[in-house]
N, C-alpha and C. Protein backbone atom coordinates (compact mmCIF):
# COMPACT_ATOMS: atom_id res chain seq x y z
N MET A 1 0.85 -1.17 0.00
CA MET A 1 0.00 0.00 0.00
C MET A 1 0.89 1.23 0.00
N TRP A 2 0.57 2.20 -0.80
CA TRP A 2 1.35 3.44 -0.94
C TRP A 2 0.86 4.45 0.07
N HIS A 3 1.80 5.11 0.72
CA HIS A 3 1.48 6.18 1.66
C HIS A 3 2.13 7.46 1.16
N ILE A 4 1.41 8.54 1.22
CA ILE A 4 1.94 9.82 0.79
C ILE A 4 2.55 10.50 2.00
N LEU A 5 3.79 10.91 1.82
CA LEU A 5 4.50 11.56 2.91
C LEU A 5 3.93 12.95 3.14
N PRO A 6 3.99 13.46 4.35
CA PRO A 6 3.47 14.79 4.62
C PRO A 6 4.40 15.90 4.13
N VAL A 7 5.39 15.57 3.35
CA VAL A 7 6.33 16.55 2.81
C VAL A 7 5.82 16.96 1.43
N PRO A 8 5.79 18.26 1.12
CA PRO A 8 5.36 18.69 -0.22
C PRO A 8 6.25 18.09 -1.29
N LEU A 9 5.66 17.81 -2.45
CA LEU A 9 6.37 17.16 -3.54
C LEU A 9 7.55 18.00 -4.02
N ASP A 10 7.40 19.31 -4.04
CA ASP A 10 8.51 20.18 -4.45
C ASP A 10 9.71 20.00 -3.53
N LYS A 11 9.45 19.80 -2.24
CA LYS A 11 10.54 19.60 -1.29
C LYS A 11 11.26 18.29 -1.57
N LEU A 12 10.51 17.24 -1.93
CA LEU A 12 11.14 15.95 -2.22
C LEU A 12 12.01 16.03 -3.45
N LEU A 13 11.61 16.81 -4.43
CA LEU A 13 12.36 16.93 -5.67
C LEU A 13 13.41 18.02 -5.61
N ASP A 14 13.45 18.77 -4.54
CA ASP A 14 14.39 19.88 -4.40
C ASP A 14 15.75 19.35 -3.96
N ASP A 15 16.80 19.90 -4.53
CA ASP A 15 18.16 19.46 -4.21
C ASP A 15 18.53 19.74 -2.76
N ASP A 16 18.10 20.88 -2.24
CA ASP A 16 18.48 21.26 -0.88
C ASP A 16 17.91 20.31 0.15
N PHE A 17 16.79 19.69 -0.13
CA PHE A 17 16.17 18.77 0.81
C PHE A 17 17.01 17.51 0.98
N LEU A 18 17.74 17.12 -0.06
CA LEU A 18 18.52 15.89 -0.03
C LEU A 18 19.88 16.08 0.64
N GLN A 19 20.34 17.30 0.78
CA GLN A 19 21.65 17.55 1.35
C GLN A 19 21.55 17.52 2.88
N PRO A 20 22.66 17.18 3.55
CA PRO A 20 22.64 17.20 5.01
C PRO A 20 22.34 18.60 5.52
N SER A 21 21.66 18.64 6.63
CA SER A 21 21.23 19.95 7.13
C SER A 21 22.40 20.71 7.73
N GLU A 22 22.53 21.96 7.33
CA GLU A 22 23.51 22.90 7.84
C GLU A 22 22.75 24.18 8.15
N PRO A 23 23.32 25.01 8.97
CA PRO A 23 22.69 26.32 9.13
C PRO A 23 22.63 27.03 7.79
N THR A 24 21.46 27.56 7.45
CA THR A 24 21.28 28.14 6.12
C THR A 24 22.15 29.37 5.92
N GLU A 25 22.37 30.15 6.96
CA GLU A 25 23.20 31.34 6.80
C GLU A 25 24.62 30.95 6.42
N LYS A 26 25.15 29.96 7.09
CA LYS A 26 26.52 29.52 6.81
C LYS A 26 26.62 28.97 5.39
N LYS A 27 25.62 28.21 4.99
CA LYS A 27 25.62 27.62 3.66
C LYS A 27 25.57 28.70 2.58
N LYS A 28 24.73 29.72 2.77
CA LYS A 28 24.62 30.80 1.78
C LYS A 28 25.95 31.50 1.61
N TYR A 29 26.60 31.83 2.72
CA TYR A 29 27.85 32.58 2.64
C TYR A 29 28.98 31.71 2.12
N THR A 30 28.96 30.45 2.42
CA THR A 30 30.00 29.57 1.91
C THR A 30 29.93 29.50 0.39
N LEU A 31 28.72 29.37 -0.15
CA LEU A 31 28.57 29.31 -1.60
C LEU A 31 28.85 30.66 -2.24
N LEU A 32 28.55 31.73 -1.54
CA LEU A 32 28.74 33.06 -2.10
C LEU A 32 30.22 33.39 -2.29
N PHE A 33 31.07 33.00 -1.33
CA PHE A 33 32.48 33.36 -1.39
C PHE A 33 33.37 32.19 -1.76
N SER A 34 32.81 31.15 -2.31
CA SER A 34 33.58 29.97 -2.67
C SER A 34 34.33 30.21 -3.97
N ASP A 35 35.62 29.79 -3.99
CA ASP A 35 36.43 29.91 -5.20
C ASP A 35 36.27 28.69 -6.10
N ASP A 36 35.87 27.57 -5.54
CA ASP A 36 35.80 26.34 -6.31
C ASP A 36 34.37 26.07 -6.77
N GLU A 37 33.90 26.93 -7.69
CA GLU A 37 32.54 26.81 -8.22
C GLU A 37 32.29 25.50 -8.94
N PRO A 38 33.22 24.99 -9.75
CA PRO A 38 32.94 23.73 -10.44
C PRO A 38 32.64 22.58 -9.48
N GLU A 39 33.30 22.55 -8.31
CA GLU A 39 33.03 21.49 -7.33
C GLU A 39 31.63 21.62 -6.74
N VAL A 40 31.21 22.84 -6.48
CA VAL A 40 29.87 23.06 -5.95
C VAL A 40 28.83 22.67 -6.99
N GLN A 41 29.09 23.05 -8.24
CA GLN A 41 28.16 22.70 -9.31
C GLN A 41 28.13 21.19 -9.51
N LYS A 42 29.28 20.54 -9.43
CA LYS A 42 29.34 19.08 -9.60
C LYS A 42 28.58 18.38 -8.47
N ALA A 43 28.70 18.87 -7.25
CA ALA A 43 27.99 18.28 -6.12
C ALA A 43 26.49 18.40 -6.28
N SER A 44 26.02 19.54 -6.79
CA SER A 44 24.58 19.70 -6.97
C SER A 44 24.06 18.85 -8.13
N GLU A 45 24.90 18.62 -9.14
CA GLU A 45 24.49 17.78 -10.26
C GLU A 45 24.33 16.32 -9.84
N THR A 46 25.12 15.86 -8.90
CA THR A 46 25.04 14.46 -8.49
C THR A 46 23.77 14.17 -7.71
N LEU A 47 23.12 15.18 -7.18
CA LEU A 47 21.91 14.97 -6.41
C LEU A 47 20.66 14.97 -7.28
N ASN A 48 20.76 15.35 -8.54
CA ASN A 48 19.61 15.36 -9.44
C ASN A 48 19.28 13.94 -9.87
N PHE A 49 18.01 13.69 -10.07
CA PHE A 49 17.58 12.40 -10.60
C PHE A 49 17.58 12.52 -12.11
N THR A 50 18.63 12.04 -12.73
CA THR A 50 18.84 12.23 -14.16
C THR A 50 18.45 10.99 -14.95
N ASP A 51 18.51 11.12 -16.26
CA ASP A 51 18.25 9.99 -17.14
C ASP A 51 19.26 8.87 -16.91
N ASP A 52 20.52 9.25 -16.66
CA ASP A 52 21.56 8.25 -16.42
C ASP A 52 21.31 7.48 -15.13
N ALA A 53 20.89 8.20 -14.08
CA ALA A 53 20.60 7.53 -12.81
C ALA A 53 19.42 6.58 -12.96
N ALA A 54 18.40 7.00 -13.70
CA ALA A 54 17.24 6.15 -13.92
C ALA A 54 17.61 4.92 -14.75
N ALA A 55 18.45 5.11 -15.77
CA ALA A 55 18.88 3.98 -16.59
C ALA A 55 19.69 2.99 -15.76
N PHE A 56 20.57 3.52 -14.91
CA PHE A 56 21.36 2.67 -14.01
C PHE A 56 20.45 1.86 -13.09
N LEU A 57 19.48 2.52 -12.47
CA LEU A 57 18.56 1.82 -11.57
C LEU A 57 17.72 0.80 -12.32
N ASN A 58 17.20 1.17 -13.49
CA ASN A 58 16.40 0.24 -14.28
C ASN A 58 17.20 -1.00 -14.67
N GLU A 59 18.43 -0.78 -15.09
CA GLU A 59 19.28 -1.91 -15.50
C GLU A 59 19.53 -2.85 -14.33
N HIS A 60 19.86 -2.30 -13.18
CA HIS A 60 20.17 -3.15 -12.03
C HIS A 60 18.93 -3.80 -11.44
N LEU A 61 17.81 -3.08 -11.44
CA LEU A 61 16.59 -3.66 -10.89
C LEU A 61 16.02 -4.77 -11.77
N THR A 62 16.31 -4.74 -13.06
CA THR A 62 15.84 -5.82 -13.93
C THR A 62 16.76 -7.03 -13.88
N ARG A 63 18.04 -6.83 -13.54
CA ARG A 63 18.99 -7.94 -13.49
C ARG A 63 19.10 -8.57 -12.11
N ILE A 64 19.04 -7.75 -11.09
CA ILE A 64 19.31 -8.22 -9.72
C ILE A 64 18.02 -8.26 -8.92
N SER A 65 17.79 -9.35 -8.25
CA SER A 65 16.62 -9.48 -7.38
C SER A 65 17.01 -8.98 -5.99
N LEU A 66 16.29 -8.00 -5.50
CA LEU A 66 16.60 -7.43 -4.19
C LEU A 66 16.06 -8.33 -3.08
N PRO A 67 16.86 -8.61 -2.06
CA PRO A 67 16.37 -9.46 -0.97
C PRO A 67 15.26 -8.75 -0.19
N GLY A 68 14.25 -9.51 0.15
CA GLY A 68 13.15 -8.95 0.93
C GLY A 68 12.03 -8.37 0.09
N LEU A 69 12.20 -8.33 -1.24
CA LEU A 69 11.17 -7.81 -2.13
C LEU A 69 10.64 -8.94 -3.01
N SER A 70 9.34 -8.99 -3.15
CA SER A 70 8.75 -9.95 -4.09
C SER A 70 8.94 -9.43 -5.51
N ASN A 71 8.65 -10.27 -6.50
CA ASN A 71 8.76 -9.84 -7.89
C ASN A 71 7.83 -8.67 -8.18
N PHE A 72 6.62 -8.72 -7.62
CA PHE A 72 5.65 -7.64 -7.81
C PHE A 72 6.15 -6.33 -7.19
N GLU A 73 6.72 -6.40 -5.99
CA GLU A 73 7.24 -5.20 -5.34
C GLU A 73 8.43 -4.62 -6.11
N GLN A 74 9.25 -5.49 -6.68
CA GLN A 74 10.37 -4.99 -7.46
C GLN A 74 9.86 -4.36 -8.76
N MET A 75 8.79 -4.90 -9.33
CA MET A 75 8.18 -4.30 -10.52
C MET A 75 7.61 -2.93 -10.17
N GLU A 76 7.02 -2.78 -8.99
CA GLU A 76 6.51 -1.47 -8.56
C GLU A 76 7.66 -0.49 -8.36
N LEU A 77 8.78 -0.97 -7.87
CA LEU A 77 9.95 -0.10 -7.71
C LEU A 77 10.45 0.38 -9.06
N LEU A 78 10.47 -0.51 -10.06
CA LEU A 78 10.82 -0.10 -11.42
C LEU A 78 9.84 0.95 -11.95
N ALA A 79 8.57 0.73 -11.68
CA ALA A 79 7.55 1.69 -12.12
C ALA A 79 7.78 3.04 -11.45
N LEU A 80 8.14 3.03 -10.18
CA LEU A 80 8.37 4.28 -9.46
C LEU A 80 9.57 5.03 -10.03
N VAL A 81 10.64 4.33 -10.36
CA VAL A 81 11.82 4.97 -10.95
C VAL A 81 11.46 5.62 -12.27
N ASP A 82 10.75 4.87 -13.12
CA ASP A 82 10.35 5.39 -14.43
C ASP A 82 9.42 6.60 -14.28
N THR A 83 8.49 6.50 -13.36
CA THR A 83 7.51 7.55 -13.16
C THR A 83 8.15 8.82 -12.60
N VAL A 84 9.03 8.67 -11.64
CA VAL A 84 9.68 9.85 -11.04
C VAL A 84 10.53 10.56 -12.09
N LEU A 85 11.17 9.81 -12.97
CA LEU A 85 11.95 10.43 -14.03
C LEU A 85 11.05 11.23 -14.97
N GLN A 86 9.92 10.66 -15.36
CA GLN A 86 9.01 11.37 -16.25
C GLN A 86 8.44 12.62 -15.58
N VAL A 87 8.10 12.51 -14.32
CA VAL A 87 7.54 13.65 -13.59
C VAL A 87 8.60 14.72 -13.38
N GLU A 88 9.84 14.30 -13.19
CA GLU A 88 10.94 15.26 -13.01
C GLU A 88 11.07 16.17 -14.23
N HIS A 89 10.83 15.62 -15.42
CA HIS A 89 10.92 16.42 -16.64
C HIS A 89 9.79 17.44 -16.74
N GLN A 90 8.66 17.20 -16.07
CA GLN A 90 7.49 18.07 -16.22
C GLN A 90 7.15 18.84 -14.95
N LYS A 91 8.03 18.83 -13.96
CA LYS A 91 7.66 19.45 -12.69
C LYS A 91 7.54 20.97 -12.75
N ARG A 92 8.10 21.60 -13.75
CA ARG A 92 8.02 23.06 -13.86
C ARG A 92 6.69 23.52 -14.46
N SER A 93 6.02 22.63 -15.20
CA SER A 93 4.80 23.05 -15.88
C SER A 93 3.53 22.73 -15.11
N LEU A 94 3.61 21.96 -14.05
CA LEU A 94 2.43 21.55 -13.29
C LEU A 94 2.51 22.04 -11.85
N ASP A 95 1.34 22.21 -11.25
CA ASP A 95 1.32 22.53 -9.83
C ASP A 95 1.49 21.24 -9.02
N GLU A 96 1.56 21.37 -7.71
CA GLU A 96 1.84 20.23 -6.84
C GLU A 96 0.76 19.15 -6.94
N ASN A 97 -0.50 19.55 -6.98
CA ASN A 97 -1.57 18.56 -7.09
C ASN A 97 -1.54 17.85 -8.44
N GLY A 98 -1.25 18.58 -9.49
CA GLY A 98 -1.14 17.98 -10.81
C GLY A 98 0.02 17.00 -10.89
N LEU A 99 1.14 17.34 -10.23
CA LEU A 99 2.27 16.42 -10.20
C LEU A 99 1.92 15.12 -9.49
N ARG A 100 1.19 15.23 -8.41
CA ARG A 100 0.79 14.01 -7.68
C ARG A 100 -0.11 13.13 -8.53
N TYR A 101 -1.09 13.74 -9.21
CA TYR A 101 -1.96 12.96 -10.09
C TYR A 101 -1.14 12.32 -11.20
N LEU A 102 -0.25 13.09 -11.81
CA LEU A 102 0.57 12.58 -12.89
C LEU A 102 1.43 11.41 -12.42
N LEU A 103 1.97 11.51 -11.22
CA LEU A 103 2.78 10.44 -10.65
C LEU A 103 1.97 9.15 -10.54
N PHE A 104 0.75 9.24 -10.01
CA PHE A 104 -0.08 8.05 -9.86
C PHE A 104 -0.58 7.54 -11.20
N MET A 105 -0.90 8.43 -12.12
CA MET A 105 -1.39 8.03 -13.44
C MET A 105 -0.30 7.30 -14.22
N ARG A 106 0.91 7.84 -14.21
CA ARG A 106 2.00 7.20 -14.93
C ARG A 106 2.37 5.86 -14.30
N ARG A 107 2.34 5.78 -12.98
CA ARG A 107 2.61 4.52 -12.30
C ARG A 107 1.56 3.47 -12.70
N HIS A 108 0.31 3.88 -12.73
CA HIS A 108 -0.78 2.99 -13.12
C HIS A 108 -0.57 2.48 -14.55
N ASN A 109 -0.25 3.36 -15.47
CA ASN A 109 -0.04 2.96 -16.86
C ASN A 109 1.17 2.05 -17.01
N TYR A 110 2.25 2.35 -16.31
CA TYR A 110 3.46 1.53 -16.39
C TYR A 110 3.18 0.12 -15.89
N LEU A 111 2.52 0.02 -14.74
CA LEU A 111 2.25 -1.30 -14.18
C LEU A 111 1.27 -2.08 -15.05
N ASN A 112 0.32 -1.41 -15.66
CA ASN A 112 -0.63 -2.12 -16.52
C ASN A 112 0.03 -2.61 -17.81
N ARG A 113 1.09 -1.97 -18.24
CA ARG A 113 1.83 -2.47 -19.40
C ARG A 113 2.75 -3.61 -19.01
N ALA A 114 3.33 -3.56 -17.82
CA ALA A 114 4.37 -4.50 -17.44
C ALA A 114 3.83 -5.78 -16.78
N LEU A 115 2.71 -5.68 -16.08
CA LEU A 115 2.20 -6.82 -15.34
C LEU A 115 1.35 -7.73 -16.20
N PRO A 116 1.25 -9.00 -15.83
CA PRO A 116 0.33 -9.90 -16.55
C PRO A 116 -1.11 -9.47 -16.32
N PRO A 117 -2.02 -9.82 -17.23
CA PRO A 117 -3.42 -9.35 -17.13
C PRO A 117 -4.11 -9.67 -15.81
N THR A 118 -3.73 -10.73 -15.15
CA THR A 118 -4.40 -11.08 -13.89
C THR A 118 -4.03 -10.14 -12.75
N LEU A 119 -2.89 -9.48 -12.85
CA LEU A 119 -2.45 -8.58 -11.78
C LEU A 119 -2.70 -7.10 -12.07
N ARG A 120 -3.24 -6.79 -13.24
CA ARG A 120 -3.43 -5.39 -13.62
C ARG A 120 -4.55 -4.74 -12.82
N MET A 121 -4.42 -3.43 -12.61
CA MET A 121 -5.43 -2.65 -11.90
C MET A 121 -6.47 -2.16 -12.90
N THR A 122 -7.71 -2.07 -12.46
CA THR A 122 -8.77 -1.61 -13.37
C THR A 122 -8.76 -0.11 -13.54
N GLY A 123 -8.32 0.62 -12.55
CA GLY A 123 -8.30 2.07 -12.64
C GLY A 123 -7.61 2.68 -11.44
N LEU A 124 -7.46 3.98 -11.49
CA LEU A 124 -6.89 4.71 -10.36
C LEU A 124 -7.87 4.71 -9.19
N SER A 125 -7.34 4.78 -8.00
CA SER A 125 -8.21 4.89 -6.84
C SER A 125 -8.72 6.33 -6.73
N TYR A 126 -9.80 6.52 -6.02
CA TYR A 126 -10.34 7.87 -5.85
C TYR A 126 -9.33 8.78 -5.15
N ARG A 127 -8.53 8.21 -4.27
CA ARG A 127 -7.49 8.98 -3.58
C ARG A 127 -6.54 9.60 -4.60
N ASP A 128 -6.20 8.84 -5.65
CA ASP A 128 -5.27 9.33 -6.67
C ASP A 128 -5.93 10.36 -7.58
N VAL A 129 -7.20 10.17 -7.87
CA VAL A 129 -7.93 11.04 -8.80
C VAL A 129 -8.20 12.42 -8.18
N VAL A 130 -8.37 12.46 -6.87
CA VAL A 130 -8.70 13.72 -6.19
C VAL A 130 -7.61 14.77 -6.40
N TRP A 131 -6.36 14.35 -6.59
CA TRP A 131 -5.30 15.32 -6.82
C TRP A 131 -5.56 16.13 -8.08
N ALA A 132 -6.07 15.48 -9.12
CA ALA A 132 -6.37 16.19 -10.36
C ALA A 132 -7.53 17.16 -10.17
N LEU A 133 -8.49 16.79 -9.32
CA LEU A 133 -9.63 17.65 -9.05
C LEU A 133 -9.17 18.99 -8.46
N HIS A 134 -8.15 18.96 -7.64
CA HIS A 134 -7.66 20.17 -6.98
C HIS A 134 -6.54 20.87 -7.75
N SER A 135 -6.18 20.35 -8.90
CA SER A 135 -5.09 20.93 -9.68
C SER A 135 -5.57 22.17 -10.44
N GLU A 136 -4.66 23.09 -10.62
CA GLU A 136 -4.93 24.30 -11.40
C GLU A 136 -4.64 24.11 -12.88
N SER A 137 -4.05 22.99 -13.25
CA SER A 137 -3.65 22.76 -14.64
C SER A 137 -4.32 21.50 -15.20
N GLN A 138 -5.66 21.49 -15.15
CA GLN A 138 -6.40 20.32 -15.59
C GLN A 138 -6.31 20.09 -17.10
N GLU A 139 -6.19 21.14 -17.89
CA GLU A 139 -6.07 20.97 -19.34
C GLU A 139 -4.79 20.22 -19.69
N LEU A 140 -3.73 20.55 -18.99
CA LEU A 140 -2.46 19.88 -19.22
C LEU A 140 -2.53 18.42 -18.76
N LEU A 141 -3.22 18.17 -17.66
CA LEU A 141 -3.40 16.80 -17.20
C LEU A 141 -4.23 15.98 -18.18
N LEU A 142 -5.23 16.63 -18.80
CA LEU A 142 -6.02 15.94 -19.81
C LEU A 142 -5.17 15.59 -21.02
N GLU A 143 -4.28 16.49 -21.39
CA GLU A 143 -3.37 16.23 -22.51
C GLU A 143 -2.44 15.06 -22.19
N TYR A 144 -1.87 15.04 -20.98
CA TYR A 144 -1.01 13.93 -20.58
C TYR A 144 -1.78 12.62 -20.52
N SER A 145 -3.01 12.67 -20.04
CA SER A 145 -3.83 11.46 -19.97
C SER A 145 -4.15 10.94 -21.37
N THR A 146 -4.44 11.84 -22.29
CA THR A 146 -4.72 11.44 -23.67
C THR A 146 -3.49 10.82 -24.31
N ASN A 147 -2.34 11.43 -24.11
CA ASN A 147 -1.10 10.88 -24.66
C ASN A 147 -0.77 9.52 -24.06
N ALA A 148 -1.04 9.35 -22.77
CA ALA A 148 -0.78 8.07 -22.11
C ALA A 148 -1.73 6.99 -22.60
N SER A 149 -2.87 7.38 -23.16
CA SER A 149 -3.84 6.42 -23.68
C SER A 149 -3.64 6.15 -25.16
N GLY A 150 -2.52 6.52 -25.69
CA GLY A 150 -2.23 6.26 -27.10
C GLY A 150 -2.69 7.34 -28.04
N GLY A 151 -2.98 8.52 -27.55
CA GLY A 151 -3.37 9.63 -28.41
C GLY A 151 -4.87 9.75 -28.62
N ARG A 152 -5.63 8.72 -28.29
CA ARG A 152 -7.09 8.76 -28.39
C ARG A 152 -7.66 8.34 -27.05
N LEU A 153 -8.57 9.14 -26.55
CA LEU A 153 -9.14 8.88 -25.23
C LEU A 153 -10.52 8.26 -25.39
N TYR A 154 -10.63 6.98 -25.07
CA TYR A 154 -11.91 6.29 -25.10
C TYR A 154 -12.51 6.28 -23.70
N TRP A 155 -13.79 5.91 -23.63
CA TRP A 155 -14.49 5.93 -22.35
C TRP A 155 -13.80 5.04 -21.33
N LYS A 156 -13.36 3.85 -21.72
CA LYS A 156 -12.72 2.95 -20.75
C LYS A 156 -11.44 3.57 -20.17
N ASP A 157 -10.72 4.33 -20.99
CA ASP A 157 -9.51 5.01 -20.50
C ASP A 157 -9.87 6.16 -19.57
N ALA A 158 -10.87 6.96 -19.98
CA ALA A 158 -11.29 8.09 -19.15
C ALA A 158 -11.84 7.60 -17.81
N LYS A 159 -12.56 6.51 -17.84
CA LYS A 159 -13.11 5.93 -16.61
C LYS A 159 -11.99 5.42 -15.71
N ALA A 160 -11.01 4.73 -16.29
CA ALA A 160 -9.89 4.20 -15.52
C ALA A 160 -9.05 5.31 -14.88
N LEU A 161 -8.93 6.44 -15.56
CA LEU A 161 -8.13 7.55 -15.04
C LEU A 161 -8.96 8.55 -14.23
N GLY A 162 -10.26 8.32 -14.14
CA GLY A 162 -11.12 9.18 -13.32
C GLY A 162 -11.36 10.57 -13.91
N ILE A 163 -11.18 10.72 -15.20
CA ILE A 163 -11.30 12.05 -15.82
C ILE A 163 -12.69 12.63 -15.65
N PHE A 164 -13.68 11.78 -15.68
CA PHE A 164 -15.07 12.26 -15.53
C PHE A 164 -15.31 12.91 -14.17
N LEU A 165 -14.47 12.64 -13.20
CA LEU A 165 -14.64 13.22 -11.87
C LEU A 165 -13.98 14.59 -11.73
N TRP A 166 -12.93 14.85 -12.49
CA TRP A 166 -12.18 16.08 -12.23
C TRP A 166 -12.17 17.08 -13.37
N PHE A 167 -12.35 16.67 -14.59
CA PHE A 167 -12.19 17.62 -15.69
C PHE A 167 -13.34 18.61 -15.75
N GLY A 168 -13.04 19.87 -15.87
CA GLY A 168 -14.02 20.93 -16.03
C GLY A 168 -14.61 21.45 -14.74
N ARG A 169 -14.01 21.13 -13.62
CA ARG A 169 -14.55 21.59 -12.34
C ARG A 169 -13.73 22.71 -11.80
């Protein structure tokens, strides 16, 4: 079962959140008067979730079975890596609620492509759909949902993604 952390999504994707905590005043002044800018830039680049990091994780997660995880849980972990990478590319164009909906929608689509038909989900849960209802960028979410459905949105796709509940409100 997935639990949403009480931390805003922007904070999770923010580089400063991943770094060890230091007094902010000291950190600001250290970066301001630092002579070794390339090292600071290199350190911040290593904390980004990049295409290379996602490819590395995907490669290892498909080859190596992690102890303590079932095959289904490892497949969900692969889906999460793929989904976070896709959302990372679009985080500037969507608000926080739209990002959450997009995260769940992409995870749902990835798992439905990767899992056998007996394990596939019929649709998003209402908990996941409510994020789109509160989003300020519903037109963009509709476009992403249409693209995820192969470019044509049929009733079964709209029903599975809960579009009838949130679009136009």
